[in-house]
């Protein structure tokens, strides 16, 4: 969680006020929601399982995205840059070395994009 907090703190105060966090799965989203509190992080959004039903959490300005394909992110945002990497020795292998992206400039309104984030697996 420290890496996500570091990336969040790298944003300007104006961006932090409008920032959200998007994760690839409900486990990551739950970790952000539980462990991110002490770091002052906003609640997480995810298209995975019930998190999709709860909709996007918080503002729709700058988005910190955990993992995912940068080309997929660039279909939705005008500017996507890697700002960090999550390294964890005691996590599932697919969670280790996960990039942390900062995405800015939605290409369409969030209410149009959100339905495409849904995935149940």
PDB file of N, CA and C in Angstrom:
ATOM      1  N   UNK A   1       0.815  -1.191   0.000  1.00  0.00           N
ATOM      2  CA  UNK A   1       0.000   0.000   0.000  1.00  0.00           C
ATOM      3  C   UNK A   1       0.866   1.266   0.000  1.00  0.00           C
ATOM      4  N   UNK A   2       2.083   1.103   0.488  1.00  0.00           N
ATOM      5  CA  UNK A   2       2.984   2.258   0.550  1.00  0.00           C
ATOM      6  C   UNK A   2       3.270   2.805  -0.845  1.00  0.00           C
ATOM      7  N   UNK A   3       3.394   1.934  -1.832  1.00  0.00           N
ATOM      8  CA  UNK A   3       3.688   2.407  -3.187  1.00  0.00           C
ATOM      9  C   UNK A   3       2.498   3.170  -3.770  1.00  0.00           C
ATOM     10  N   UNK A   4       1.307   2.685  -3.536  1.00  0.00           N
ATOM     11  CA  UNK A   4       0.112   3.386  -4.018  1.00  0.00           C
ATOM     12  C   UNK A   4       0.010   4.745  -3.327  1.00  0.00           C
ATOM     13  N   UNK A   5       0.281   4.774  -2.030  1.00  0.00           N
ATOM     14  CA  UNK A   5       0.250   6.045  -1.296  1.00  0.00           C
ATOM     15  C   UNK A   5       1.316   7.001  -1.821  1.00  0.00           C
ATOM     16  N   UNK A   6       2.489   6.481  -2.146  1.00  0.00           N
ATOM     17  CA  UNK A   6       3.545   7.332  -2.688  1.00  0.00           C
ATOM     18  C   UNK A   6       3.115   7.962  -4.006  1.00  0.00           C
ATOM     19  N   UNK A   7       2.506   7.156  -4.873  1.00  0.00           N
ATOM     20  CA  UNK A   7       2.029   7.679  -6.157  1.00  0.00           C
ATOM     21  C   UNK A   7       0.936   8.719  -5.923  1.00  0.00           C
ATOM     22  N   UNK A   8       0.016   8.434  -5.015  1.00  0.00           N
ATOM     23  CA  UNK A   8      -1.056   9.389  -4.699  1.00  0.00           C
ATOM     24  C   UNK A   8      -0.472  10.711  -4.207  1.00  0.00           C
ATOM     25  N   UNK A   9       0.517  10.641  -3.328  1.00  0.00           N
ATOM     26  CA  UNK A   9       1.132  11.861  -2.788  1.00  0.00           C
ATOM     27  C   UNK A   9       1.955  12.611  -3.839  1.00  0.00           C
ATOM     28  N   UNK A  10       2.320  11.935  -4.925  1.00  0.00           N
ATOM     29  CA  UNK A  10       3.063  12.609  -5.992  1.00  0.00           C
ATOM     30  C   UNK A  10       2.165  13.532  -6.818  1.00  0.00           C
ATOM     31  N   UNK A  11       0.858  13.374  -6.669  1.00  0.00           N
ATOM     32  CA  UNK A  11      -0.089  14.244  -7.371  1.00  0.00           C
ATOM     33  C   UNK A  11      -0.141  15.604  -6.694  1.00  0.00           C
ATOM     34  N   UNK A  12      -0.514  16.613  -7.442  1.00  0.00           N
ATOM     35  CA  UNK A  12      -0.701  17.933  -6.840  1.00  0.00           C
ATOM     36  C   UNK A  12      -1.895  17.873  -5.886  1.00  0.00           C
ATOM     37  N   UNK A  13      -1.986  18.788  -4.936  1.00  0.00           N
ATOM     38  CA  UNK A  13      -3.161  18.799  -4.047  1.00  0.00           C
ATOM     39  C   UNK A  13      -4.479  18.887  -4.829  1.00  0.00           C
ATOM     40  N   UNK A  14      -4.487  19.632  -5.925  1.00  0.00           N
ATOM     41  CA  UNK A  14      -5.699  19.746  -6.742  1.00  0.00           C
ATOM     42  C   UNK A  14      -6.054  18.393  -7.362  1.00  0.00           C
ATOM     43  N   UNK A  15      -5.033  17.675  -7.828  1.00  0.00           N
ATOM     44  CA  UNK A  15      -5.291  16.357  -8.414  1.00  0.00           C
ATOM     45  C   UNK A  15      -5.718  15.357  -7.346  1.00  0.00           C
ATOM     46  N   UNK A  16      -5.105  15.419  -6.176  1.00  0.00           N
ATOM     47  CA  UNK A  16      -5.490  14.508  -5.097  1.00  0.00           C
ATOM     48  C   UNK A  16      -6.966  14.674  -4.750  1.00  0.00           C
ATOM     49  N   UNK A  17      -7.441  15.908  -4.762  1.00  0.00           N
ATOM     50  CA  UNK A  17      -8.847  16.169  -4.434  1.00  0.00           C
ATOM     51  C   UNK A  17      -9.794  15.557  -5.456  1.00  0.00           C
ATOM     52  N   UNK A  18      -9.313  15.305  -6.680  1.00  0.00           N
ATOM     53  CA  UNK A  18     -10.143  14.749  -7.751  1.00  0.00           C
ATOM     54  C   UNK A  18      -9.757  13.322  -8.113  1.00  0.00           C
ATOM     55  N   UNK A  19      -8.806  12.731  -7.379  1.00  0.00           N
ATOM     56  CA  UNK A  19      -8.249  11.435  -7.761  1.00  0.00           C
ATOM     57  C   UNK A  19      -9.123  10.272  -7.300  1.00  0.00           C
ATOM     58  N   UNK A  20      -9.041   9.216  -8.070  1.00  0.00           N
ATOM     59  CA  UNK A  20      -9.644   7.944  -7.718  1.00  0.00           C
ATOM     60  C   UNK A  20      -8.607   6.852  -7.899  1.00  0.00           C
ATOM     61  N   UNK A  21      -8.918   5.666  -7.397  1.00  0.00           N
ATOM     62  CA  UNK A  21      -8.046   4.503  -7.557  1.00  0.00           C
ATOM     63  C   UNK A  21      -8.868   3.397  -8.188  1.00  0.00           C
ATOM     64  N   UNK A  22      -8.329   2.794  -9.239  1.00  0.00           N
ATOM     65  CA  UNK A  22      -9.001   1.684  -9.922  1.00  0.00           C
ATOM     66  C   UNK A  22      -8.103   0.457  -9.846  1.00  0.00           C
ATOM     67  N   UNK A  23      -8.699  -0.678  -9.476  1.00  0.00           N
ATOM     68  CA  UNK A  23      -7.951  -1.927  -9.356  1.00  0.00           C
ATOM     69  C   UNK A  23      -8.508  -2.969 -10.319  1.00  0.00           C
ATOM     70  N   UNK A  24      -7.705  -3.988 -10.566  1.00  0.00           N
ATOM     71  CA  UNK A  24      -8.100  -5.037 -11.506  1.00  0.00           C
ATOM     72  C   UNK A  24      -9.007  -6.096 -10.881  1.00  0.00           C
ATOM     73  N   UNK A  25      -9.009  -6.189  -9.550  1.00  0.00           N
ATOM     74  CA  UNK A  25      -9.837  -7.216  -8.916  1.00  0.00           C
ATOM     75  C   UNK A  25     -10.298  -6.770  -7.530  1.00  0.00           C
ATOM     76  N   UNK A  26     -11.269  -7.515  -7.000  1.00  0.00           N
ATOM     77  CA  UNK A  26     -11.862  -7.118  -5.718  1.00  0.00           C
ATOM     78  C   UNK A  26     -10.879  -7.260  -4.558  1.00  0.00           C
ATOM     79  N   UNK A  27      -9.895  -8.164  -4.661  1.00  0.00           N
ATOM     80  CA  UNK A  27      -8.906  -8.299  -3.591  1.00  0.00           C
ATOM     81  C   UNK A  27      -8.059  -7.042  -3.455  1.00  0.00           C
ATOM     82  N   UNK A  28      -7.617  -6.526  -4.583  1.00  0.00           N
ATOM     83  CA  UNK A  28      -6.845  -5.278  -4.559  1.00  0.00           C
ATOM     84  C   UNK A  28      -7.700  -4.132  -4.064  1.00  0.00           C
ATOM     85  N   UNK A  29      -8.941  -4.068  -4.545  1.00  0.00           N
ATOM     86  CA  UNK A  29      -9.835  -2.981  -4.126  1.00  0.00           C
ATOM     87  C   UNK A  29     -10.086  -3.038  -2.623  1.00  0.00           C
ATOM     88  N   UNK A  30     -10.302  -4.233  -2.108  1.00  0.00           N
ATOM     89  CA  UNK A  30     -10.501  -4.390  -0.665  1.00  0.00           C
ATOM     90  C   UNK A  30      -9.276  -3.971   0.129  1.00  0.00           C
ATOM     91  N   UNK A  31      -8.091  -4.296  -0.400  1.00  0.00           N
ATOM     92  CA  UNK A  31      -6.852  -3.895   0.280  1.00  0.00           C
ATOM     93  C   UNK A  31      -6.722  -2.379   0.306  1.00  0.00           C
ATOM     94  N   UNK A  32      -7.032  -1.732  -0.808  1.00  0.00           N
ATOM     95  CA  UNK A  32      -6.974  -0.267  -0.839  1.00  0.00           C
ATOM     96  C   UNK A  32      -7.974   0.316   0.156  1.00  0.00           C
ATOM     97  N   UNK A  33      -9.180  -0.225   0.162  1.00  0.00           N
ATOM     98  CA  UNK A  33     -10.207   0.312   1.063  1.00  0.00           C
ATOM     99  C   UNK A  33      -9.855   0.111   2.528  1.00  0.00           C
ATOM    100  N   UNK A  34      -9.271  -1.037   2.864  1.00  0.00           N
ATOM    101  CA  UNK A  34      -8.948  -1.320   4.264  1.00  0.00           C
ATOM    102  C   UNK A  34      -7.610  -0.707   4.681  1.00  0.00           C
ATOM    103  N   UNK A  35      -6.567  -1.008   3.938  1.00  0.00           N
ATOM    104  CA  UNK A  35      -5.227  -0.583   4.328  1.00  0.00           C
ATOM    105  C   UNK A  35      -4.895   0.845   3.896  1.00  0.00           C
ATOM    106  N   UNK A  36      -5.606   1.329   2.895  1.00  0.00           N
ATOM    107  CA  UNK A  36      -5.340   2.670   2.390  1.00  0.00           C
ATOM    108  C   UNK A  36      -5.842   3.779   3.288  1.00  0.00           C
ATOM    109  N   UNK A  37      -6.736   3.444   4.219  1.00  0.00           N
ATOM    110  CA  UNK A  37      -7.280   4.473   5.124  1.00  0.00           C
ATOM    111  C   UNK A  37      -6.179   5.195   5.884  1.00  0.00           C
ATOM    112  N   UNK A  38      -5.229   4.422   6.424  1.00  0.00           N
ATOM    113  CA  UNK A  38      -4.181   5.054   7.231  1.00  0.00           C
ATOM    114  C   UNK A  38      -3.246   5.911   6.384  1.00  0.00           C
ATOM    115  N   UNK A  39      -3.292   5.735   5.065  1.00  0.00           N
ATOM    116  CA  UNK A  39      -2.485   6.549   4.160  1.00  0.00           C
ATOM    117  C   UNK A  39      -3.283   7.698   3.550  1.00  0.00           C
ATOM    118  N   UNK A  40      -4.559   7.800   3.923  1.00  0.00           N
ATOM    119  CA  UNK A  40      -5.393   8.865   3.395  1.00  0.00           C
ATOM    120  C   UNK A  40      -5.812   8.659   1.943  1.00  0.00           C
ATOM    121  N   UNK A  41      -5.831   7.407   1.496  1.00  0.00           N
ATOM    122  CA  UNK A  41      -6.194   7.126   0.112  1.00  0.00           C
ATOM    123  C   UNK A  41      -7.709   7.152  -0.089  1.00  0.00           C
ATOM    124  N   UNK A  42      -8.160   7.538  -1.265  1.00  0.00           N
ATOM    125  CA  UNK A  42      -9.592   7.453  -1.565  1.00  0.00           C
ATOM    126  C   UNK A  42     -10.011   5.994  -1.703  1.00  0.00           C
ATOM    127  N   UNK A  43     -11.310   5.755  -1.621  1.00  0.00           N
ATOM    128  CA  UNK A  43     -11.833   4.402  -1.809  1.00  0.00           C
ATOM    129  C   UNK A  43     -11.547   3.937  -3.229  1.00  0.00           C
ATOM    130  N   UNK A  44     -11.438   2.634  -3.368  1.00  0.00           N
ATOM    131  CA  UNK A  44     -11.130   2.037  -4.665  1.00  0.00           C
ATOM    132  C   UNK A  44     -12.390   1.734  -5.458  1.00  0.00           C
ATOM    133  N   UNK A  45     -12.213   1.722  -6.767  1.00  0.00           N
ATOM    134  CA  UNK A  45     -13.226   1.253  -7.701  1.00  0.00           C
ATOM    135  C   UNK A  45     -12.655   0.049  -8.432  1.00  0.00           C
ATOM    136  N   UNK A  46     -13.530  -0.825  -8.862  1.00  0.00           N
ATOM    137  CA  UNK A  46     -13.107  -1.969  -9.656  1.00  0.00           C
ATOM    138  C   UNK A  46     -14.311  -2.471 -10.441  1.00  0.00           C
ATOM    139  N   UNK A  47     -14.062  -3.028 -11.592  1.00  0.00           N
ATOM    140  CA  UNK A  47     -15.128  -3.640 -12.370  1.00  0.00           C
ATOM    141  C   UNK A  47     -15.343  -5.098 -12.022  1.00  0.00           C
ATOM    142  N   UNK A  48     -14.613  -5.603 -11.036  1.00  0.00           N
ATOM    143  CA  UNK A  48     -14.639  -7.018 -10.696  1.00  0.00           C
ATOM    144  C   UNK A  48     -15.709  -7.335  -9.654  1.00  0.00           C
ATOM    145  N   UNK A  49     -16.525  -8.322  -9.985  1.00  0.00           N
ATOM    146  CA  UNK A  49     -17.559  -8.840  -9.097  1.00  0.00           C
ATOM    147  C   UNK A  49     -18.407  -7.703  -8.508  1.00  0.00           C
ATOM    148  N   UNK A  50     -18.693  -7.743  -7.202  1.00  0.00           N
ATOM    149  CA  UNK A  50     -19.597  -6.749  -6.617  1.00  0.00           C
ATOM    150  C   UNK A  50     -19.060  -5.330  -6.657  1.00  0.00           C
ATOM    151  N   UNK A  51     -17.773  -5.159  -6.732  1.00  0.00           N
ATOM    152  CA  UNK A  51     -17.253  -3.794  -6.832  1.00  0.00           C
ATOM    153  C   UNK A  51     -17.826  -3.091  -8.055  1.00  0.00           C
ATOM    154  N   UNK A  52     -18.080  -3.832  -9.122  1.00  0.00           N
ATOM    155  CA  UNK A  52     -18.705  -3.215 -10.298  1.00  0.00           C
ATOM    156  C   UNK A  52     -20.079  -2.651  -9.926  1.00  0.00           C
ATOM    157  N   UNK A  53     -20.849  -3.421  -9.168  1.00  0.00           N
ATOM    158  CA  UNK A  53     -22.207  -3.000  -8.809  1.00  0.00           C
ATOM    159  C   UNK A  53     -22.202  -1.731  -7.961  1.00  0.00           C
ATOM    160  N   UNK A  54     -21.150  -1.506  -7.210  1.00  0.00           N
ATOM    161  CA  UNK A  54     -21.065  -0.327  -6.344  1.00  0.00           C
ATOM    162  C   UNK A  54     -20.674   0.915  -7.124  1.00  0.00           C
ATOM    163  N   UNK A  55     -20.273   0.736  -8.360  1.00  0.00           N
ATOM    164  CA  UNK A  55     -19.975   1.876  -9.225  1.00  0.00           C
ATOM    165  C   UNK A  55     -18.655   2.523  -8.901  1.00  0.00           C
ATOM    166  N   UNK A  56     -18.296   3.513  -9.696  1.00  0.00           N
ATOM    167  CA  UNK A  56     -17.035   4.215  -9.442  1.00  0.00           C
ATOM    168  C   UNK A  56     -17.119   5.000  -8.143  1.00  0.00           C
ATOM    169  N   UNK A  57     -16.058   4.915  -7.363  1.00  0.00           N
ATOM    170  CA  UNK A  57     -16.007   5.589  -6.061  1.00  0.00           C
ATOM    171  C   UNK A  57     -15.234   6.890  -6.193  1.00  0.00           C
ATOM    172  N   UNK A  58     -15.813   7.936  -5.741  1.00  0.00           N
ATOM    173  CA  UNK A  58     -15.096   9.202  -5.700  1.00  0.00           C
ATOM    174  C   UNK A  58     -15.099   9.940  -7.027  1.00  0.00           C
ATOM    175  N   UNK A  59     -14.308  10.983  -7.064  1.00  0.00           N
ATOM    176  CA  UNK A  59     -14.262  11.860  -8.235  1.00  0.00           C
ATOM    177  C   UNK A  59     -13.760  11.141  -9.486  1.00  0.00           C
ATOM    178  N   UNK A  60     -13.975  11.758 -10.616  1.00  0.00           N
ATOM    179  CA  UNK A  60     -13.557  11.142 -11.882  1.00  0.00           C
ATOM    180  C   UNK A  60     -12.486  11.978 -12.581  1.00  0.00           C
ATOM    181  N   UNK A  61     -11.570  12.537 -11.806  1.00  0.00           N
ATOM    182  CA  UNK A  61     -10.467  13.309 -12.384  1.00  0.00           C
ATOM    183  C   UNK A  61      -9.322  12.393 -12.743  1.00  0.00           C
ATOM    184  N   UNK A  62      -8.231  12.537 -12.057  1.00  0.00           N
ATOM    185  CA  UNK A  62      -7.056  11.697 -12.250  1.00  0.00           C
ATOM    186  C   UNK A  62      -7.343  10.322 -11.670  1.00  0.00           C
ATOM    187  N   UNK A  63      -6.886   9.286 -12.349  1.00  0.00           N
ATOM    188  CA  UNK A  63      -7.100   7.933 -11.857  1.00  0.00           C
ATOM    189  C   UNK A  63      -5.763   7.235 -11.686  1.00  0.00           C
ATOM    190  N   UNK A  64      -5.569   6.669 -10.507  1.00  0.00           N
ATOM    191  CA  UNK A  64      -4.427   5.793 -10.255  1.00  0.00           C
ATOM    192  C   UNK A  64      -4.926   4.382 -10.544  1.00  0.00           C
ATOM    193  N   UNK A  65      -4.267   3.699 -11.454  1.00  0.00           N
ATOM    194  CA  UNK A  65      -4.705   2.369 -11.871  1.00  0.00           C
ATOM    195  C   UNK A  65      -3.645   1.359 -11.468  1.00  0.00           C
ATOM    196  N   UNK A  66      -4.077   0.313 -10.746  1.00  0.00           N
ATOM    197  CA  UNK A  66      -3.166  -0.752 -10.368  1.00  0.00           C
ATOM    198  C   UNK A  66      -3.221  -1.837 -11.434  1.00  0.00           C
ATOM    199  N   UNK A  67      -2.117  -2.042 -12.117  1.00  0.00           N
ATOM    200  CA  UNK A  67      -2.019  -3.104 -13.109  1.00  0.00           C
ATOM    201  C   UNK A  67      -2.777  -2.813 -14.391  1.00  0.00           C
ATOM    202  N   UNK A  68      -2.948  -3.849 -15.155  1.00  0.00           N
ATOM    203  CA  UNK A  68      -3.644  -3.727 -16.425  1.00  0.00           C
ATOM    204  C   UNK A  68      -2.705  -3.379 -17.566  1.00  0.00           C
ATOM    205  N   UNK A  69      -3.255  -3.434 -18.744  1.00  0.00           N
ATOM    206  CA  UNK A  69      -2.504  -3.192 -19.979  1.00  0.00           C
ATOM    207  C   UNK A  69      -2.533  -1.703 -20.313  1.00  0.00           C
ATOM    208  N   UNK A  70      -1.373  -1.084 -20.480  1.00  0.00           N
ATOM    209  CA  UNK A  70      -1.370   0.355 -20.765  1.00  0.00           C
ATOM    210  C   UNK A  70      -2.103   0.702 -22.059  1.00  0.00           C
ATOM    211  N   UNK A  71      -2.094  -0.178 -23.040  1.00  0.00           N
ATOM    212  CA  UNK A  71      -2.817   0.099 -24.289  1.00  0.00           C
ATOM    213  C   UNK A  71      -4.324   0.116 -24.050  1.00  0.00           C
ATOM    214  N   UNK A  72      -4.814  -0.744 -23.174  1.00  0.00           N
ATOM    215  CA  UNK A  72      -6.232  -0.698 -22.802  1.00  0.00           C
ATOM    216  C   UNK A  72      -6.556   0.618 -22.118  1.00  0.00           C
ATOM    217  N   UNK A  73      -5.672   1.049 -21.210  1.00  0.00           N
ATOM    218  CA  UNK A  73      -5.897   2.308 -20.496  1.00  0.00           C
ATOM    219  C   UNK A  73      -5.896   3.495 -21.467  1.00  0.00           C
ATOM    220  N   UNK A  74      -5.051   3.431 -22.483  1.00  0.00           N
ATOM    221  CA  UNK A  74      -4.958   4.531 -23.454  1.00  0.00           C
ATOM    222  C   UNK A  74      -6.188   4.616 -24.363  1.00  0.00           C
ATOM    223  N   UNK A  75      -6.988   3.584 -24.403  1.00  0.00           N
ATOM    224  CA  UNK A  75      -8.243   3.657 -25.157  1.00  0.00           C
ATOM    225  C   UNK A  75      -9.255   4.536 -24.425  1.00  0.00           C
ATOM    226  N   UNK A  76      -9.067   4.693 -23.120  1.00  0.00           N
ATOM    227  CA  UNK A  76     -10.021   5.417 -22.284  1.00  0.00           C
ATOM    228  C   UNK A  76      -9.481   6.787 -21.851  1.00  0.00           C
ATOM    229  N   UNK A  77      -8.155   6.910 -21.716  1.00  0.00           N
ATOM    230  CA  UNK A  77      -7.528   8.140 -21.227  1.00  0.00           C
ATOM    231  C   UNK A  77      -6.576   8.711 -22.265  1.00  0.00           C
ATOM    232  N   UNK A  78      -6.447  10.015 -22.259  1.00  0.00           N
ATOM    233  CA  UNK A  78      -5.528  10.691 -23.184  1.00  0.00           C
ATOM    234  C   UNK A  78      -4.063  10.543 -22.765  1.00  0.00           C
ATOM    235  N   UNK A  79      -3.808  10.463 -21.461  1.00  0.00           N
ATOM    236  CA  UNK A  79      -2.446  10.398 -20.953  1.00  0.00           C
ATOM    237  C   UNK A  79      -2.347   9.293 -19.907  1.00  0.00           C
ATOM    238  N   UNK A  80      -1.479   8.324 -20.144  1.00  0.00           N
ATOM    239  CA  UNK A  80      -1.257   7.214 -19.210  1.00  0.00           C
ATOM    240  C   UNK A  80       0.246   7.055 -19.031  1.00  0.00           C
ATOM    241  N   UNK A  81       0.679   7.130 -17.770  1.00  0.00           N
ATOM    242  CA  UNK A  81       2.110   7.008 -17.477  1.00  0.00           C
ATOM    243  C   UNK A  81       2.327   6.099 -16.282  1.00  0.00           C
ATOM    244  N   UNK A  82       3.354   5.279 -16.372  1.00  0.00           N
ATOM    245  CA  UNK A  82       3.693   4.448 -15.224  1.00  0.00           C
ATOM    246  C   UNK A  82       4.367   5.315 -14.174  1.00  0.00           C
ATOM    247  N   UNK A  83       3.861   5.219 -12.932  1.00  0.00           N
ATOM    248  CA  UNK A  83       4.379   6.050 -11.850  1.00  0.00           C
ATOM    249  C   UNK A  83       5.002   5.222 -10.735  1.00  0.00           C
ATOM    250  N   UNK A  84       4.887   3.904 -10.825  1.00  0.00           N
ATOM    251  CA  UNK A  84       5.445   3.057  -9.783  1.00  0.00           C
ATOM    252  C   UNK A  84       5.239   1.603 -10.111  1.00  0.00           C
ATOM    253  N   UNK A  85       5.616   0.761  -9.150  1.00  0.00           N
ATOM    254  CA  UNK A  85       5.456  -0.680  -9.308  1.00  0.00           C
ATOM    255  C   UNK A  85       5.278  -1.300  -7.935  1.00  0.00           C
ATOM    256  N   UNK A  86       4.284  -2.153  -7.808  1.00  0.00           N
ATOM    257  CA  UNK A  86       4.033  -2.831  -6.539  1.00  0.00           C
ATOM    258  C   UNK A  86       4.869  -4.101  -6.510  1.00  0.00           C
ATOM    259  N   UNK A  87       5.696  -4.197  -5.483  1.00  0.00           N
ATOM    260  CA  UNK A  87       6.512  -5.396  -5.278  1.00  0.00           C
ATOM    261  C   UNK A  87       6.136  -5.971  -3.921  1.00  0.00           C
ATOM    262  N   UNK A  88       5.807  -7.232  -3.917  1.00  0.00           N
ATOM    263  CA  UNK A  88       5.405  -7.863  -2.662  1.00  0.00           C
ATOM    264  C   UNK A  88       5.904  -9.309  -2.653  1.00  0.00           C
ATOM    265  N   UNK A  89       6.623  -9.658  -1.652  1.00  0.00           N
ATOM    266  CA  UNK A  89       7.179 -10.999  -1.564  1.00  0.00           C
ATOM    267  C   UNK A  89       6.194 -12.060  -1.107  1.00  0.00           C
ATOM    268  N   UNK A  90       5.149 -11.654  -0.413  1.00  0.00           N
ATOM    269  CA  UNK A  90       4.214 -12.633   0.150  1.00  0.00           C
ATOM    270  C   UNK A  90       2.850 -12.614  -0.534  1.00  0.00           C
ATOM    271  N   UNK A  91       2.793 -12.130  -1.739  1.00  0.00           N
ATOM    272  CA  UNK A  91       1.514 -12.083  -2.448  1.00  0.00           C
ATOM    273  C   UNK A  91       1.480 -13.150  -3.538  1.00  0.00           C
ATOM    274  N   UNK A  92       0.336 -13.262  -4.180  1.00  0.00           N
ATOM    275  CA  UNK A  92       0.218 -14.167  -5.315  1.00  0.00           C
ATOM    276  C   UNK A  92       1.188 -13.699  -6.401  1.00  0.00           C
ATOM    277  N   UNK A  93       1.799 -14.616  -7.133  1.00  0.00           N
ATOM    278  CA  UNK A  93       2.781 -14.211  -8.151  1.00  0.00           C
ATOM    279  C   UNK A  93       2.236 -13.198  -9.161  1.00  0.00           C
ATOM    280  N   UNK A  94       0.962 -13.315  -9.539  1.00  0.00           N
ATOM    281  CA  UNK A  94       0.396 -12.380 -10.514  1.00  0.00           C
ATOM    282  C   UNK A  94       0.167 -10.985  -9.940  1.00  0.00           C
ATOM    283  N   UNK A  95       0.270 -10.846  -8.630  1.00  0.00           N
ATOM    284  CA  UNK A  95       0.136  -9.531  -7.994  1.00  0.00           C
ATOM    285  C   UNK A  95       1.493  -8.835  -7.836  1.00  0.00           C
ATOM    286  N   UNK A  96       2.572  -9.596  -7.967  1.00  0.00           N
ATOM    287  CA  UNK A  96       3.905  -9.047  -7.762  1.00  0.00           C
ATOM    288  C   UNK A  96       4.374  -8.312  -9.021  1.00  0.00           C
ATOM    289  N   UNK A  97       5.143  -7.261  -8.821  1.00  0.00           N
ATOM    290  CA  UNK A  97       5.683  -6.442  -9.919  1.00  0.00           C
ATOM    291  C   UNK A  97       4.575  -5.837 -10.778  1.00  0.00           C
ATOM    292  N   UNK A  98       3.492  -5.471 -10.141  1.00  0.00           N
ATOM    293  CA  UNK A  98       2.348  -4.875 -10.838  1.00  0.00           C
ATOM    294  C   UNK A  98       2.583  -3.376 -11.019  1.00  0.00           C
ATOM    295  N   UNK A  99       2.481  -2.876 -12.249  1.00  0.00           N
ATOM    296  CA  UNK A  99       2.689  -1.447 -12.464  1.00  0.00           C
ATOM    297  C   UNK A  99       1.563  -0.603 -11.850  1.00  0.00           C
ATOM    298  N   UNK A 100       1.917   0.594 -11.467  1.00  0.00           N
ATOM    299  CA  UNK A 100       0.951   1.581 -10.985  1.00  0.00           C
ATOM    300  C   UNK A 100       0.962   2.719 -11.996  1.00  0.00           C
ATOM    301  N   UNK A 101      -0.190   2.980 -12.589  1.00  0.00           N
ATOM    302  CA  UNK A 101      -0.335   3.982 -13.644  1.00  0.00           C
ATOM    303  C   UNK A 101      -1.031   5.218 -13.105  1.00  0.00           C
ATOM    304  N   UNK A 102      -0.702   6.362 -13.675  1.00  0.00           N
ATOM    305  CA  UNK A 102      -1.491   7.579 -13.480  1.00  0.00           C
ATOM    306  C   UNK A 102      -2.125   7.877 -14.826  1.00  0.00           C
ATOM    307  N   UNK A 103      -3.456   7.971 -14.823  1.00  0.00           N
ATOM    308  CA  UNK A 103      -4.201   8.219 -16.061  1.00  0.00           C
ATOM    309  C   UNK A 103      -4.961   9.535 -15.927  1.00  0.00           C
ATOM    310  N   UNK A 104      -4.865  10.346 -16.979  1.00  0.00           N
ATOM    311  CA  UNK A 104      -5.521  11.650 -16.982  1.00  0.00           C
ATOM    312  C   UNK A 104      -6.271  11.841 -18.301  1.00  0.00           C
ATOM    313  N   UNK A 105      -7.326  12.612 -18.257  1.00  0.00           N
ATOM    314  CA  UNK A 105      -8.030  13.005 -19.474  1.00  0.00           C
ATOM    315  C   UNK A 105      -8.940  11.932 -20.034  1.00  0.00           C
ATOM    316  N   UNK A 106     -10.041  11.672 -19.351  1.00  0.00           N
ATOM    317  CA  UNK A 106     -11.023  10.714 -19.876  1.00  0.00           C
ATOM    318  C   UNK A 106     -11.461  11.129 -21.276  1.00  0.00           C
ATOM    319  N   UNK A 107     -11.571  10.166 -22.156  1.00  0.00           N
ATOM    320  CA  UNK A 107     -11.987  10.444 -23.529  1.00  0.00           C
ATOM    321  C   UNK A 107     -13.507  10.462 -23.689  1.00  0.00           C
ATOM    322  N   UNK A 108     -14.224   9.956 -22.698  1.00  0.00           N
ATOM    323  CA  UNK A 108     -15.689   9.925 -22.721  1.00  0.00           C
ATOM    324  C   UNK A 108     -16.175  10.064 -21.281  1.00  0.00           C
ATOM    325  N   UNK A 109     -17.441  10.414 -21.077  1.00  0.00           N
ATOM    326  CA  UNK A 109     -17.963  10.509 -19.713  1.00  0.00           C
ATOM    327  C   UNK A 109     -17.869   9.165 -18.979  1.00  0.00           C
ATOM    328  N   UNK A 110     -17.578   9.226 -17.694  1.00  0.00           N
ATOM    329  CA  UNK A 110     -17.399   8.021 -16.894  1.00  0.00           C
ATOM    330  C   UNK A 110     -18.619   7.097 -16.957  1.00  0.00           C
ATOM    331  N   UNK A 111     -19.813   7.674 -16.993  1.00  0.00           N
ATOM    332  CA  UNK A 111     -21.018   6.822 -17.036  1.00  0.00           C
ATOM    333  C   UNK A 111     -21.110   6.020 -18.332  1.00  0.00           C
ATOM    334  N   UNK A 112     -20.440   6.457 -19.374  1.00  0.00           N
ATOM    335  CA  UNK A 112     -20.389   5.676 -20.612  1.00  0.00           C
ATOM    336  C   UNK A 112     -19.315   4.595 -20.552  1.00  0.00           C
ATOM    337  N   UNK A 113     -18.242   4.873 -19.868  1.00  0.00           N
ATOM    338  CA  UNK A 113     -17.114   3.942 -19.789  1.00  0.00           C
ATOM    339  C   UNK A 113     -17.362   2.833 -18.772  1.00  0.00           C
ATOM    340  N   UNK A 114     -17.998   3.165 -17.655  1.00  0.00           N
ATOM    341  CA  UNK A 114     -18.123   2.225 -16.536  1.00  0.00           C
ATOM    342  C   UNK A 114     -18.708   0.863 -16.937  1.00  0.00           C
ATOM    343  N   UNK A 115     -19.770   0.763 -17.720  1.00  0.00           N
ATOM    344  CA  UNK A 115     -20.315  -0.563 -18.035  1.00  0.00           C
ATOM    345  C   UNK A 115     -19.283  -1.507 -18.682  1.00  0.00           C
ATOM    346  N   UNK A 116     -18.311  -0.984 -19.394  1.00  0.00           N
ATOM    347  CA  UNK A 116     -17.297  -1.809 -20.021  1.00  0.00           C
ATOM    348  C   UNK A 116     -16.254  -2.345 -19.061  1.00  0.00           C
ATOM    349  N   UNK A 117     -16.277  -1.911 -17.811  1.00  0.00           N
ATOM    350  CA  UNK A 117     -15.300  -2.395 -16.833  1.00  0.00           C
ATOM    351  C   UNK A 117     -15.736  -3.690 -16.168  1.00  0.00           C
ATOM    352  N   UNK A 118     -16.990  -4.071 -16.332  1.00  0.00           N
ATOM    353  CA  UNK A 118     -17.542  -5.228 -15.611  1.00  0.00           C
ATOM    354  C   UNK A 118     -16.872  -6.528 -16.043  1.00  0.00           C
ATOM    355  N   UNK A 119     -16.443  -7.287 -15.053  1.00  0.00           N
ATOM    356  CA  UNK A 119     -15.982  -8.653 -15.310  1.00  0.00           C
ATOM    357  C   UNK A 119     -16.205  -9.502 -14.068  1.00  0.00           C
ATOM    358  N   UNK A 120     -16.823 -10.649 -14.287  1.00  0.00           N
ATOM    359  CA  UNK A 120     -17.097 -11.636 -13.238  1.00  0.00           C
ATOM    360  C   UNK A 120     -16.310 -12.893 -13.578  1.00  0.00           C
ATOM    361  N   UNK A 121     -15.423 -13.265 -12.691  1.00  0.00           N
ATOM    362  CA  UNK A 121     -14.644 -14.480 -12.916  1.00  0.00           C
ATOM    363  C   UNK A 121     -14.232 -15.092 -11.610  1.00  0.00           C
TER     364      UNK A 121
END
